[in-house]
Amino acid sequence: MVTWVWFPYRALLVTGAVVVVVAGWGLVAVVRRSRDWHDQDVLIRRLWRAVKRIPSGYVLADPATGELLMVERERGCLTLAVSDPPDLAGPVVVTRYLVGMWAAPVPPPLFAHLAGVDDVPPARWGLVRVAQDVRNGDAEDGAGWGV
């Protein structure tokens, strides 16, 4: 108590206390995460490392399933786009996974956005539309987010 009255920079003491409390909450949150969360984080980091090596504009074909893989880099977002095998009978659906933002992998869980091949990717959306789309579970055009 004597230090509080004597120390002339009270704002510095309050700021230091706030920093200590926030750091404590962050440490508790990290410790409380389960083993599954850690495993997901490791897998997402491995996927992010592999995806960032693929140049933009290249289309890779999965030999086992025939799906087409492509990397999209827009607005600081690294997105993996997985499309159905080419089929002339029906519409082509593209599943986009946001793998990283601003040179870092995203934290778990990894969300998938299902949409048509000609739809605008989520990296081009504004923040308000992304928040509405995630909250509602589906977009106006029938596309939606899934885990």
Protein backbone atom coordinates (compact mmCIF):
# COMPACT_ATOMS: atom_id res chain seq x y z
CA MET A 1 0.00 0.00 0.00
CA VAL A 2 2.89 2.34 0.76
CA THR A 3 4.28 1.76 -2.72
CA TRP A 4 0.94 2.73 -4.26
CA VAL A 5 0.89 6.09 -2.49
CA TRP A 6 4.59 6.78 -2.96
CA PHE A 7 5.01 5.65 -6.61
CA PRO A 8 4.22 8.64 -8.86
CA TYR A 9 3.26 6.62 -11.97
CA ARG A 10 0.08 4.82 -10.92
CA ALA A 11 -0.89 4.13 -14.54
CA LEU A 12 2.29 2.09 -14.93
CA LEU A 13 1.35 -0.07 -11.93
CA VAL A 14 -2.17 -0.62 -13.28
CA THR A 15 -0.85 -1.49 -16.74
CA GLY A 16 1.63 -3.95 -15.25
CA ALA A 17 -1.13 -5.63 -13.24
CA VAL A 18 -3.35 -5.91 -16.33
CA VAL A 19 -0.51 -7.46 -18.34
CA VAL A 20 0.14 -10.03 -15.60
CA VAL A 21 -3.56 -11.00 -15.40
CA VAL A 22 -3.94 -11.34 -19.20
CA ALA A 23 -0.75 -13.41 -19.42
CA GLY A 24 -2.05 -15.67 -16.64
CA TRP A 25 -5.34 -16.21 -18.48
CA GLY A 26 -3.45 -17.05 -21.66
CA LEU A 27 -1.27 -19.57 -19.84
CA VAL A 28 -4.31 -21.23 -18.26
CA ALA A 29 -6.01 -21.45 -21.68
CA VAL A 30 -2.97 -23.15 -23.21
CA VAL A 31 -2.62 -25.63 -20.35
CA ARG A 32 -6.34 -26.56 -20.42
CA ARG A 33 -6.33 -27.52 -24.11
CA SER A 34 -6.68 -31.22 -24.72
CA ARG A 35 -4.35 -33.61 -26.53
CA ASP A 36 -6.74 -33.64 -29.50
CA TRP A 37 -6.39 -29.85 -29.84
CA HIS A 38 -2.60 -30.20 -29.90
CA ASP A 39 -2.78 -32.98 -32.51
CA GLN A 40 -5.04 -30.82 -34.72
CA ASP A 41 -2.65 -27.90 -34.35
CA VAL A 42 0.31 -30.07 -35.41
CA LEU A 43 -1.59 -31.40 -38.45
CA ILE A 44 -2.70 -27.92 -39.52
CA ARG A 45 0.91 -26.67 -39.28
CA ARG A 46 2.10 -29.57 -41.45
CA LEU A 47 -0.62 -28.85 -44.00
CA TRP A 48 0.26 -25.16 -43.96
CA ARG A 49 3.95 -25.92 -44.60
CA ALA A 50 3.06 -28.17 -47.53
CA VAL A 51 0.50 -25.77 -49.04
CA LYS A 52 2.72 -22.69 -48.89
CA ARG A 53 5.28 -24.44 -51.12
CA ILE A 54 2.77 -24.89 -53.96
CA PRO A 55 2.90 -21.95 -56.39
CA SER A 56 -0.30 -20.07 -57.13
CA GLY A 57 -2.02 -20.97 -60.36
CA TYR A 58 -0.91 -24.60 -60.44
CA VAL A 59 -3.59 -27.28 -60.38
CA LEU A 60 -2.57 -30.62 -58.92
CA ALA A 61 -4.58 -33.82 -59.34
CA ASP A 62 -4.92 -36.31 -56.50
CA PRO A 63 -4.10 -39.72 -58.02
CA ALA A 64 -6.21 -41.64 -55.51
CA THR A 65 -9.47 -39.65 -55.66
CA GLY A 66 -9.14 -37.59 -58.84
CA GLU A 67 -9.85 -34.34 -56.95
CA LEU A 68 -8.14 -31.17 -58.12
CA LEU A 69 -6.04 -29.15 -55.64
CA MET A 70 -5.17 -25.48 -56.03
CA VAL A 71 -3.70 -22.82 -53.75
CA GLU A 72 -5.23 -19.34 -53.58
CA ARG A 73 -3.30 -16.42 -52.14
CA GLU A 74 -5.41 -13.31 -51.59
CA ARG A 75 -5.36 -10.53 -49.00
CA GLY A 76 -2.84 -12.29 -46.82
CA CYS A 77 -4.89 -15.51 -46.74
CA LEU A 78 -3.54 -18.88 -47.83
CA THR A 79 -6.43 -21.06 -48.98
CA LEU A 80 -6.40 -24.65 -50.21
CA ALA A 81 -9.15 -25.24 -52.79
CA VAL A 82 -10.21 -28.85 -53.37
CA SER A 83 -12.65 -29.40 -56.24
CA ASP A 84 -14.59 -32.45 -57.33
CA PRO A 85 -13.27 -34.51 -60.21
CA PRO A 86 -14.28 -32.96 -63.53
CA ASP A 87 -17.77 -34.15 -64.43
CA LEU A 88 -19.93 -32.69 -67.18
CA ALA A 89 -23.15 -34.07 -65.71
CA GLY A 90 -23.47 -31.79 -62.68
CA PRO A 91 -22.15 -28.65 -61.03
CA VAL A 92 -18.63 -28.65 -59.68
CA VAL A 93 -18.35 -28.04 -55.93
CA VAL A 94 -15.21 -26.48 -54.47
CA THR A 95 -14.25 -26.91 -50.83
CA ARG A 96 -11.96 -24.14 -49.62
CA TYR A 97 -9.89 -24.52 -46.45
CA LEU A 98 -8.38 -21.39 -44.92
CA VAL A 99 -4.96 -22.76 -43.96
CA GLY A 100 -3.07 -19.61 -42.99
CA MET A 101 -3.32 -15.87 -42.51
CA TRP A 102 -0.48 -13.34 -42.58
CA ALA A 103 2.36 -15.88 -42.80
CA ALA A 104 1.09 -18.04 -39.94
CA PRO A 105 -1.14 -21.11 -39.78
CA VAL A 106 -4.68 -20.72 -38.45
CA PRO A 107 -5.51 -22.21 -35.06
CA PRO A 108 -7.78 -25.28 -34.87
CA PRO A 109 -10.44 -26.16 -35.88
CA LEU A 110 -9.94 -25.99 -39.64
CA PHE A 111 -13.14 -24.79 -41.31
CA ALA A 112 -14.22 -25.80 -44.80
CA HIS A 113 -16.27 -23.53 -47.08
CA LEU A 114 -18.40 -25.33 -49.66
CA ALA A 115 -19.38 -23.35 -52.75
CA GLY A 116 -19.67 -23.50 -56.51
CA VAL A 117 -16.60 -23.20 -58.68
CA ASP A 118 -17.55 -19.70 -59.86
CA ASP A 119 -18.34 -18.24 -56.40
CA VAL A 120 -16.22 -15.56 -54.79
CA PRO A 121 -13.67 -17.06 -52.36
CA PRO A 122 -14.04 -16.10 -48.67
CA ALA A 123 -10.69 -14.26 -48.73
CA ARG A 124 -12.31 -11.56 -50.88
CA TRP A 125 -15.25 -11.06 -48.53
CA GLY A 126 -15.42 -8.26 -46.01
CA LEU A 127 -15.24 -9.07 -42.32
CA VAL A 128 -18.96 -8.39 -41.81
CA ARG A 129 -19.98 -10.95 -44.42
CA VAL A 130 -17.62 -13.58 -43.02
CA ALA A 131 -19.03 -13.07 -39.52
CA GLN A 132 -22.62 -13.30 -40.80
CA ASP A 133 -21.84 -16.38 -42.87
CA VAL A 134 -20.18 -18.22 -40.00
CA ARG A 135 -22.93 -17.22 -37.57
CA ASN A 136 -25.77 -18.27 -39.87
CA GLY A 137 -24.06 -21.45 -41.00
CA ASP A 138 -24.74 -20.80 -44.65
CA ALA A 139 -24.37 -18.06 -47.20
CA GLU A 140 -26.99 -16.38 -49.33
CA ASP A 141 -25.92 -18.42 -52.33
CA GLY A 142 -26.40 -21.78 -50.61
CA ALA A 143 -22.75 -22.23 -49.73
CA GLY A 144 -21.74 -22.74 -46.15
CA TRP A 145 -19.08 -23.43 -43.58
CA GLY A 146 -18.40 -26.80 -42.05
CA VAL A 147 -15.85 -28.34 -39.76
